[in-house]
C-alpha atoms as a PDB file:
ATOM      1  CA  MET A   1    -107.086  92.672   7.006  1.00  0.00           C
ATOM      2  CA  PRO A   2    -107.946  95.822   5.258  1.00  0.00           C
ATOM      3  CA  ARG A   3    -110.623  98.425   6.429  1.00  0.00           C
ATOM      4  CA  TYR A   4    -113.069 100.235   4.232  1.00  0.00           C
ATOM      5  CA  LYS A   5    -114.347 103.772   4.860  1.00  0.00           C
ATOM      6  CA  LEU A   6    -117.551 104.346   3.169  1.00  0.00           C
ATOM      7  CA  THR A   7    -119.433 107.564   2.755  1.00  0.00           C
ATOM      8  CA  VAL A   8    -123.106 106.756   2.752  1.00  0.00           C
ATOM      9  CA  GLU A   9    -126.292 108.628   1.169  1.00  0.00           C
ATOM     10  CA  TYR A  10    -129.503 107.298   2.077  1.00  0.00           C
ATOM     11  CA  ASP A  11    -133.252 108.402   1.984  1.00  0.00           C
ATOM     12  CA  GLY A  12    -134.179 106.986   5.248  1.00  0.00           C
ATOM     13  CA  GLY A  13    -137.951 107.236   4.571  1.00  0.00           C
ATOM     14  CA  PRO A  14    -138.224 103.295   3.559  1.00  0.00           C
ATOM     15  CA  PHE A  15    -135.985 102.139   6.617  1.00  0.00           C
ATOM     16  CA  VAL A  16    -136.724 102.043  10.569  1.00  0.00           C
ATOM     17  CA  GLY A  17    -133.264 103.650  11.012  1.00  0.00           C
ATOM     18  CA  TRP A  18    -129.873 102.876  10.460  1.00  0.00           C
ATOM     19  CA  GLN A  19    -129.293 100.487  13.295  1.00  0.00           C
ATOM     20  CA  ARG A  20    -130.113  96.696  12.868  1.00  0.00           C
ATOM     21  CA  GLN A  21    -133.189  95.566  14.364  1.00  0.00           C
ATOM     22  CA  PRO A  22    -135.976  92.916  13.762  1.00  0.00           C
ATOM     23  CA  ASN A  23    -138.763  95.254  12.924  1.00  0.00           C
ATOM     24  CA  GLY A  24    -138.231  96.376   9.960  1.00  0.00           C
ATOM     25  CA  PRO A  25    -135.470  97.255   7.129  1.00  0.00           C
ATOM     26  CA  THR A  26    -132.104  99.053   8.122  1.00  0.00           C
ATOM     27  CA  ILE A  27    -129.582 100.534   6.352  1.00  0.00           C
ATOM     28  CA  GLN A  28    -126.892  98.718   8.223  1.00  0.00           C
ATOM     29  CA  ALA A  29    -128.222  95.473   7.411  1.00  0.00           C
ATOM     30  CA  THR A  30    -129.134  96.696   3.771  1.00  0.00           C
ATOM     31  CA  LEU A  31    -125.357  97.484   3.454  1.00  0.00           C
ATOM     32  CA  GLU A  32    -124.161  94.204   4.738  1.00  0.00           C
ATOM     33  CA  ASP A  33    -126.158  92.299   2.670  1.00  0.00           C
ATOM     34  CA  ALA A  34    -124.505  93.881  -0.125  1.00  0.00           C
ATOM     35  CA  ILE A  35    -120.910  93.295   1.047  1.00  0.00           C
ATOM     36  CA  PHE A  36    -122.004  89.600   1.469  1.00  0.00           C
ATOM     37  CA  ALA A  37    -123.531  89.456  -1.991  1.00  0.00           C
ATOM     38  CA  MET A  38    -120.211  91.064  -3.452  1.00  0.00           C
ATOM     39  CA  SER A  39    -117.627  89.225  -1.264  1.00  0.00           C
ATOM     40  CA  GLY A  40    -119.239  86.099   0.392  1.00  0.00           C
ATOM     41  CA  GLU A  41    -118.315  87.237   3.356  1.00  0.00           C
ATOM     42  CA  ARG A  42    -120.657  88.386   6.601  1.00  0.00           C
ATOM     43  CA  VAL A  43    -119.302  91.372   8.139  1.00  0.00           C
ATOM     44  CA  GLY A  44    -120.329  93.834  10.382  1.00  0.00           C
ATOM     45  CA  VAL A  45    -120.851  97.531   9.399  1.00  0.00           C
ATOM     46  CA  GLN A  46    -120.267 100.368  11.916  1.00  0.00           C
ATOM     47  CA  GLY A  47    -121.675 103.871  11.359  1.00  0.00           C
ATOM     48  CA  ALA A  48    -120.537 107.179  12.460  1.00  0.00           C
ATOM     49  CA  GLY A  49    -124.329 108.157  13.617  1.00  0.00           C
ATOM     50  CA  ARG A  50    -127.234 105.959  14.289  1.00  0.00           C
ATOM     51  CA  THR A  51    -129.986 107.785  12.623  1.00  0.00           C
ATOM     52  CA  ASP A  52    -133.681 107.226  13.465  1.00  0.00           C
ATOM     53  CA  SER A  53    -136.417 106.011  11.169  1.00  0.00           C
ATOM     54  CA  GLY A  54    -137.138 108.438   8.623  1.00  0.00           C
ATOM     55  CA  VAL A  55    -133.841 110.719   9.073  1.00  0.00           C
ATOM     56  CA  HIS A  56    -131.952 110.761   5.858  1.00  0.00           C
ATOM     57  CA  ALA A  57    -128.367 111.156   5.105  1.00  0.00           C
ATOM     58  CA  LEU A  58    -125.747 113.004   2.488  1.00  0.00           C
ATOM     59  CA  GLY A  59    -122.545 112.529   4.678  1.00  0.00           C
ATOM     60  CA  GLN A  60    -123.016 109.359   6.745  1.00  0.00           C
ATOM     61  CA  VAL A  61    -119.762 107.502   7.444  1.00  0.00           C
ATOM     62  CA  ALA A  62    -119.212 103.660   8.052  1.00  0.00           C
ATOM     63  CA  HIS A  63    -116.622 100.871   7.830  1.00  0.00           C
ATOM     64  CA  PHE A  64    -116.131  97.428   7.469  1.00  0.00           C
ATOM     65  CA  ASP A  65    -113.171  94.610   7.233  1.00  0.00           C
ATOM     66  CA  LEU A  66    -112.530  91.990   4.724  1.00  0.00           C
ATOM     67  CA  THR A  67    -110.370  88.989   5.011  1.00  0.00           C
ATOM     68  CA  SER A  68    -108.723  89.983   1.432  1.00  0.00           C
ATOM     69  CA  GLU A  69    -108.089  93.253  -0.272  1.00  0.00           C
ATOM     70  CA  MET A  70    -109.915  94.698  -3.163  1.00  0.00           C
ATOM     71  CA  PRO A  71    -109.336  98.020  -4.758  1.00  0.00           C
ATOM     72  CA  ALA A  72    -111.622 100.562  -3.431  1.00  0.00           C
ATOM     73  CA  ASP A  73    -112.940 101.717  -6.606  1.00  0.00           C
ATOM     74  CA  LYS A  74    -114.034  98.118  -7.247  1.00  0.00           C
ATOM     75  CA  VAL A  75    -115.755  97.683  -3.723  1.00  0.00           C
ATOM     76  CA  GLN A  76    -117.267 101.077  -4.432  1.00  0.00           C
ATOM     77  CA  ALA A  77    -118.967  99.786  -8.124  1.00  0.00           C
ATOM     78  CA  ALA A  78    -119.962  96.387  -6.701  1.00  0.00           C
ATOM     79  CA  LEU A  79    -121.815  97.593  -3.663  1.00  0.00           C
ATOM     80  CA  ASN A  80    -123.339 100.309  -5.683  1.00  0.00           C
ATOM     81  CA  PHE A  81    -124.602  97.676  -7.682  1.00  0.00           C
ATOM     82  CA  HIS A  82    -125.812  95.386  -4.985  1.00  0.00           C
ATOM     83  CA  LEU A  83    -127.797  97.974  -3.274  1.00  0.00           C
ATOM     84  CA  LYS A  84    -130.192  98.561  -6.196  1.00  0.00           C
ATOM     85  CA  PRO A  85    -133.009  99.200  -5.886  1.00  0.00           C
ATOM     86  CA  ASN A  86    -132.691 100.619  -2.122  1.00  0.00           C
ATOM     87  CA  PRO A  87    -132.432 104.310  -1.906  1.00  0.00           C
ATOM     88  CA  ILE A  88    -128.749 103.723  -0.768  1.00  0.00           C
ATOM     89  CA  ALA A  89    -125.440 105.001  -2.388  1.00  0.00           C
ATOM     90  CA  LEU A  90    -121.859 105.118  -1.810  1.00  0.00           C
ATOM     91  CA  PRO A  91    -120.284 108.123  -3.146  1.00  0.00           C
ATOM     92  CA  ALA A  92    -117.057 107.578  -1.542  1.00  0.00           C
ATOM     93  CA  VAL A  93    -114.815 104.432  -0.720  1.00  0.00           C
ATOM     94  CA  GLU A  94    -111.620 104.406   0.497  1.00  0.00           C
ATOM     95  CA  ILE A  95    -109.086 102.103   2.348  1.00  0.00           C
ATOM     96  CA  VAL A  96    -107.900 103.248   5.629  1.00  0.00           C
ATOM     97  CA  PRO A  97    -105.827 102.142   8.728  1.00  0.00           C
ATOM     98  CA  ALA A  98    -107.036  99.429  10.699  1.00  0.00           C
ATOM     99  CA  ASP A  99    -107.601 101.543  14.100  1.00  0.00           C
ATOM    100  CA  PHE A 100    -109.850 103.627  12.168  1.00  0.00           C
ATOM    101  CA  HIS A 101    -113.406 103.742  13.603  1.00  0.00           C
ATOM    102  CA  ALA A 102    -116.482 105.457  11.791  1.00  0.00           C
ATOM    103  CA  ARG A 103    -118.087 106.089  15.143  1.00  0.00           C
ATOM    104  CA  PHE A 104    -115.330 106.592  17.711  1.00  0.00           C
ATOM    105  CA  SER A 105    -112.749 108.369  15.481  1.00  0.00           C
ATOM    106  CA  ALA A 106    -115.540 110.988  14.620  1.00  0.00           C
ATOM    107  CA  THR A 107    -114.141 114.577  16.017  1.00  0.00           C
ATOM    108  CA  TRP A 108    -117.497 116.574  14.534  1.00  0.00           C
ATOM    109  CA  ARG A 109    -121.113 115.720  13.213  1.00  0.00           C
ATOM    110  CA  ARG A 110    -123.219 118.161  11.414  1.00  0.00           C
ATOM    111  CA  TYR A 111    -126.954 117.649  11.011  1.00  0.00           C
ATOM    112  CA  ARG A 112    -129.235 119.860   8.794  1.00  0.00           C
ATOM    113  CA  TYR A 113    -132.917 120.303   9.484  1.00  0.00           C
ATOM    114  CA  ARG A 114    -135.216 121.551   6.568  1.00  0.00           C
ATOM    115  CA  ILE A 115    -138.572 123.526   7.389  1.00  0.00           C
ATOM    116  CA  LEU A 116    -140.666 124.528   4.416  1.00  0.00           C
ATOM    117  CA  ASN A 117    -142.674 127.660   5.367  1.00  0.00           C
ATOM    118  CA  ARG A 118    -144.958 128.254   3.160  1.00  0.00           C
ATOM    119  CA  ARG A 119    -148.929 127.490   2.920  1.00  0.00           C
ATOM    120  CA  ALA A 120    -148.573 125.342  -0.060  1.00  0.00           C
ATOM    121  CA  PRO A 121    -147.185 121.927   0.733  1.00  0.00           C
ATOM    122  CA  PRO A 122    -144.046 120.498  -0.465  1.00  0.00           C
ATOM    123  CA  THR A 123    -144.178 118.242  -3.906  1.00  0.00           C
ATOM    124  CA  LEU A 124    -140.447 117.313  -5.265  1.00  0.00           C
ATOM    125  CA  ASP A 125    -139.424 117.691  -1.397  1.00  0.00           C
ATOM    126  CA  ARG A 126    -142.360 115.473   0.256  1.00  0.00           C
ATOM    127  CA  GLY A 127    -140.512 113.299   2.634  1.00  0.00           C
ATOM    128  CA  HIS A 128    -137.649 115.522   3.273  1.00  0.00           C
ATOM    129  CA  VAL A 129    -139.163 118.534   4.981  1.00  0.00           C
ATOM    130  CA  TRP A 130    -141.207 119.468   7.694  1.00  0.00           C
ATOM    131  CA  HIS A 131    -144.310 121.898   6.273  1.00  0.00           C
ATOM    132  CA  VAL A 132    -144.875 124.544   8.439  1.00  0.00           C
ATOM    133  CA  PRO A 133    -147.473 126.768   6.671  1.00  0.00           C
ATOM    134  CA  ALA A 134    -147.502 129.693   9.189  1.00  0.00           C
ATOM    135  CA  ARG A 135    -144.986 132.374   8.881  1.00  0.00           C
ATOM    136  CA  LEU A 136    -141.889 131.706  11.246  1.00  0.00           C
ATOM    137  CA  ASP A 137    -140.172 134.607  12.814  1.00  0.00           C
ATOM    138  CA  LEU A 138    -136.813 133.907  11.682  1.00  0.00           C
ATOM    139  CA  GLN A 139    -134.886 136.468  13.966  1.00  0.00           C
ATOM    140  CA  ALA A 140    -136.542 135.320  16.931  1.00  0.00           C
ATOM    141  CA  MET A 141    -135.552 132.047  16.044  1.00  0.00           C
ATOM    142  CA  ALA A 142    -132.150 132.727  15.288  1.00  0.00           C
ATOM    143  CA  GLU A 143    -131.554 134.809  19.017  1.00  0.00           C
ATOM    144  CA  ALA A 144    -133.279 131.319  20.767  1.00  0.00           C
ATOM    145  CA  ALA A 145    -130.405 129.274  18.999  1.00  0.00           C
ATOM    146  CA  GLY A 146    -127.830 131.463  20.127  1.00  0.00           C
ATOM    147  CA  VAL A 147    -129.296 130.780  24.219  1.00  0.00           C
ATOM    148  CA  LEU A 148    -128.624 127.007  23.334  1.00  0.00           C
ATOM    149  CA  GLN A 149    -125.258 127.063  21.451  1.00  0.00           C
ATOM    150  CA  GLY A 150    -122.346 126.243  23.460  1.00  0.00           C
ATOM    151  CA  HIS A 151    -121.559 123.962  26.509  1.00  0.00           C
ATOM    152  CA  HIS A 152    -124.873 123.002  28.507  1.00  0.00           C
ATOM    153  CA  ASP A 153    -126.818 120.498  30.266  1.00  0.00           C
ATOM    154  CA  PHE A 154    -129.125 119.423  27.498  1.00  0.00           C
ATOM    155  CA  ASN A 155    -131.668 117.143  29.587  1.00  0.00           C
ATOM    156  CA  SER A 156    -134.567 119.199  28.536  1.00  0.00           C
ATOM    157  CA  PHE A 157    -133.686 118.583  24.840  1.00  0.00           C
ATOM    158  CA  ARG A 158    -133.298 114.701  24.466  1.00  0.00           C
ATOM    159  CA  SER A 159    -135.543 111.734  24.384  1.00  0.00           C
ATOM    160  CA  THR A 160    -136.472 109.985  27.625  1.00  0.00           C
ATOM    161  CA  ALA A 161    -135.308 106.984  25.766  1.00  0.00           C
ATOM    162  CA  CYS A 162    -131.699 108.517  25.409  1.00  0.00           C
ATOM    163  CA  GLN A 163    -129.234 105.905  27.184  1.00  0.00           C
ATOM    164  CA  ALA A 164    -126.269 108.696  27.517  1.00  0.00           C
ATOM    165  CA  PRO A 165    -125.170 108.783  30.985  1.00  0.00           C
ATOM    166  CA  SER A 166    -124.509 112.438  30.559  1.00  0.00           C
ATOM    167  CA  SER A 167    -127.094 115.295  29.109  1.00  0.00           C
ATOM    168  CA  ILE A 168    -123.859 117.606  28.974  1.00  0.00           C
ATOM    169  CA  ARG A 169    -122.679 118.514  25.440  1.00  0.00           C
ATOM    170  CA  THR A 170    -121.254 121.141  23.437  1.00  0.00           C
ATOM    171  CA  LEU A 171    -122.997 122.716  20.066  1.00  0.00           C
ATOM    172  CA  ASP A 172    -120.310 124.274  18.173  1.00  0.00           C
ATOM    173  CA  LEU A 173    -122.704 125.315  15.685  1.00  0.00           C
ATOM    174  CA  PHE A 174    -126.493 126.582  15.487  1.00  0.00           C
ATOM    175  CA  ARG A 175    -127.334 128.475  12.828  1.00  0.00           C
ATOM    176  CA  VAL A 176    -130.611 129.332  11.214  1.00  0.00           C
ATOM    177  CA  ARG A 177    -131.439 130.995   7.937  1.00  0.00           C
ATOM    178  CA  ARG A 178    -133.876 131.226   5.269  1.00  0.00           C
ATOM    179  CA  ASP A 179    -133.571 130.486   1.993  1.00  0.00           C
ATOM    180  CA  GLY A 180    -136.646 131.499  -0.240  1.00  0.00           C
ATOM    181  CA  ALA A 181    -139.448 129.595   1.552  1.00  0.00           C
ATOM    182  CA  GLU A 182    -137.265 127.139   3.333  1.00  0.00           C
ATOM    183  CA  ILE A 183    -135.716 127.562   6.761  1.00  0.00           C
ATOM    184  CA  GLN A 184    -132.573 125.590   7.430  1.00  0.00           C
ATOM    185  CA  ILE A 185    -131.023 124.841  10.700  1.00  0.00           C
ATOM    186  CA  ASP A 186    -127.538 123.830  10.872  1.00  0.00           C
ATOM    187  CA  VAL A 187    -126.547 121.992  13.963  1.00  0.00           C
ATOM    188  CA  GLY A 188    -122.678 120.633  14.530  1.00  0.00           C
ATOM    189  CA  ALA A 189    -121.127 119.200  17.481  1.00  0.00           C
ATOM    190  CA  ARG A 190    -118.694 116.250  18.002  1.00  0.00           C
ATOM    191  CA  SER A 191    -121.647 114.154  19.610  1.00  0.00           C
ATOM    192  CA  PHE A 192    -125.203 114.488  19.836  1.00  0.00           C
ATOM    193  CA  LEU A 193    -127.901 112.988  22.512  1.00  0.00           C
ATOM    194  CA  HIS A 194    -130.758 110.824  20.994  1.00  0.00           C
ATOM    195  CA  ASN A 195    -133.389 113.266  19.435  1.00  0.00           C
ATOM    196  CA  GLN A 196    -131.565 116.418  20.314  1.00  0.00           C
ATOM    197  CA  VAL A 197    -131.542 117.994  17.034  1.00  0.00           C
ATOM    198  CA  ARG A 198    -135.159 117.293  16.638  1.00  0.00           C
ATOM    199  CA  VAL A 199    -136.419 118.765  20.090  1.00  0.00           C
ATOM    200  CA  LEU A 200    -134.103 121.600  19.459  1.00  0.00           C
ATOM    201  CA  VAL A 201    -135.714 122.443  16.384  1.00  0.00           C
ATOM    202  CA  GLY A 202    -138.962 121.687  17.856  1.00  0.00           C
ATOM    203  CA  THR A 203    -138.376 124.126  20.443  1.00  0.00           C
ATOM    204  CA  LEU A 204    -137.325 126.649  17.742  1.00  0.00           C
ATOM    205  CA  ARG A 205    -140.740 126.516  15.795  1.00  0.00           C
ATOM    206  CA  LEU A 206    -142.499 127.220  19.034  1.00  0.00           C
ATOM    207  CA  VAL A 207    -140.351 130.757  19.176  1.00  0.00           C
ATOM    208  CA  GLY A 208    -140.992 131.135  15.462  1.00  0.00           C
ATOM    209  CA  ARG A 209    -144.503 131.066  15.970  1.00  0.00           C
ATOM    210  CA  GLY A 210    -144.547 133.617  19.141  1.00  0.00           C
ATOM    211  CA  GLN A 211    -145.754 130.770  21.381  1.00  0.00           C
ATOM    212  CA  TRP A 212    -142.126 130.873  23.299  1.00  0.00           C
ATOM    213  CA  SER A 213    -139.837 133.618  24.117  1.00  0.00           C
ATOM    214  CA  LYS A 214    -135.906 133.675  24.317  1.00  0.00           C
ATOM    215  CA  ARG A 215    -136.655 133.730  27.942  1.00  0.00           C
ATOM    216  CA  ASP A 216    -138.884 130.723  27.875  1.00  0.00           C
ATOM    217  CA  VAL A 217    -136.017 128.686  25.827  1.00  0.00           C
ATOM    218  CA  GLU A 218    -133.549 129.873  28.764  1.00  0.00           C
ATOM    219  CA  GLU A 219    -135.674 128.522  31.402  1.00  0.00           C
ATOM    220  CA  ALA A 220    -136.004 125.029  29.577  1.00  0.00           C
ATOM    221  CA  LEU A 221    -132.651 124.922  29.401  1.00  0.00           C
ATOM    222  CA  ALA A 222    -132.043 125.675  33.114  1.00  0.00           C
ATOM    223  CA  ALA A 223    -134.598 123.198  34.352  1.00  0.00           C
ATOM    224  CA  ARG A 224    -132.936 120.150  32.710  1.00  0.00           C
ATOM    225  CA  ASP A 225    -136.265 118.515  32.869  1.00  0.00           C
ATOM    226  CA  ARG A 226    -137.636 116.729  29.087  1.00  0.00           C
ATOM    227  CA  THR A 227    -141.063 118.014  30.191  1.00  0.00           C
ATOM    228  CA  ARG A 228    -139.870 121.744  30.077  1.00  0.00           C
ATOM    229  CA  GLY A 229    -138.212 121.298  26.668  1.00  0.00           C
ATOM    230  CA  GLY A 230    -140.159 121.620  23.416  1.00  0.00           C
ATOM    231  CA  PRO A 231    -141.736 118.671  21.079  1.00  0.00           C
ATOM    232  CA  THR A 232    -139.955 116.639  19.004  1.00  0.00           C
ATOM    233  CA  ALA A 233    -140.025 117.713  15.345  1.00  0.00           C
ATOM    234  CA  PRO A 234    -140.863 114.944  13.008  1.00  0.00           C
ATOM    235  CA  PRO A 235    -137.818 113.108  11.610  1.00  0.00           C
ATOM    236  CA  GLU A 236    -138.267 113.547   7.559  1.00  0.00           C
ATOM    237  CA  GLY A 237    -136.883 117.195   7.739  1.00  0.00           C
ATOM    238  CA  LEU A 238    -133.447 115.867   9.263  1.00  0.00           C
ATOM    239  CA  CYS A 239    -130.081 114.824   7.478  1.00  0.00           C
ATOM    240  CA  LEU A 240    -126.913 113.833   8.425  1.00  0.00           C
ATOM    241  CA  MET A 241    -124.806 116.151   6.342  1.00  0.00           C
ATOM    242  CA  ASP A 242    -121.242 115.249   7.114  1.00  0.00           C
ATOM    243  CA  VAL A 243    -118.650 113.511   9.562  1.00  0.00           C
ATOM    244  CA  ARG A 244    -115.437 114.871   9.939  1.00  0.00           C
ATOM    245  CA  TYR A 245    -111.961 113.110  11.170  1.00  0.00           C
ATOM    246  CA  ASP A 246    -108.623 114.275  12.184  1.00  0.00           C
ATOM    247  CA  LEU A 247    -106.771 111.224  10.557  1.00  0.00           C
ATOM    248  CA  GLY A 248    -103.459 112.561  11.633  1.00  0.00           C
ATOM    249  CA  ALA A 249    -104.390 111.983  15.294  1.00  0.00           C
ATOM    250  CA  ASP A 250    -104.965 108.724  17.200  1.00  0.00           C
ATOM    251  CA  HIS A 251    -108.101 107.142  15.755  1.00  0.00           C
ATOM    252  CA  GLY A 252    -109.581 105.803  19.004  1.00  0.00           C
ATOM    253  CA  GLY A 253    -112.306 107.981  20.583  1.00  0.00           C
ATOM    254  CA  ASP A 254    -113.878 108.153  24.137  1.00  0.00           C
ATOM    255  CA  ALA A 255    -116.985 106.820  25.747  1.00  0.00           C
ATOM    256  CA  GLU A 256    -118.920 110.075  25.379  1.00  0.00           C
ATOM    257  CA  ILE A 257    -119.025 109.204  21.640  1.00  0.00           C
ATOM    258  CA  ALA A 258    -120.863 106.094  22.409  1.00  0.00           C
ATOM    259  CA  SER A 259    -123.941 107.975  23.228  1.00  0.00           C
ATOM    260  CA  ASP A 260    -127.213 107.608  21.236  1.00  0.00           C
ATOM    261  CA  GLU A 261    -127.336 110.023  18.336  1.00  0.00           C
ATOM    262  CA  GLU A 262    -130.198 111.338  15.850  1.00  0.00           C
END
């Protein structure tokens, strides 16, 4: 039974999230319908990250199994055809070992959050950036990000609905930079808590506006209390950029990766 690894790109705006649910269209269910249209088989698609409603992806990864093998390039072409007109595309499809798992084999994930920091609202990027018209202090935001990078208890910076048993995570990357009128915030880790990146961004926005200091961020982190953290930034600025795997190692994962994600 061959296993297929998909690189998935999508606009999350029309969907209620990655994970299949009864209250609206999802990326997972749309992919499964396309696979059925291609093969006649009803299969489950497993994704590397369970993105929320309105969150986008350029490098989501998923996998599924078929009972009989088809060439990867033919699977890619057929699925891209059957996914139309949904804003979902598969830039890459490959056959992988049977023990590969899109979620549990992942060793690193990177999200990018985009803030349009100018008075004029977005046009072409509407629905893909958070418009913050007041000027943000990039240096102050970068210094606050430095407080949060590393191994910490992020209980103050996750959704109250997060079901992960532990709020301890390690942020290997937390970078803030400006590109013209856009502020880009890149966050990388092995796994994330539910809404973690969006709460971190909402907190940095308070710092950038001068409403919070670096010391306020330190105190919020130490409090380990969601009521002490910043607000949750809107979903449209968030994009899952890439997921990494060490395919030379054991493809199995551990329970920590099973936590809720963005």
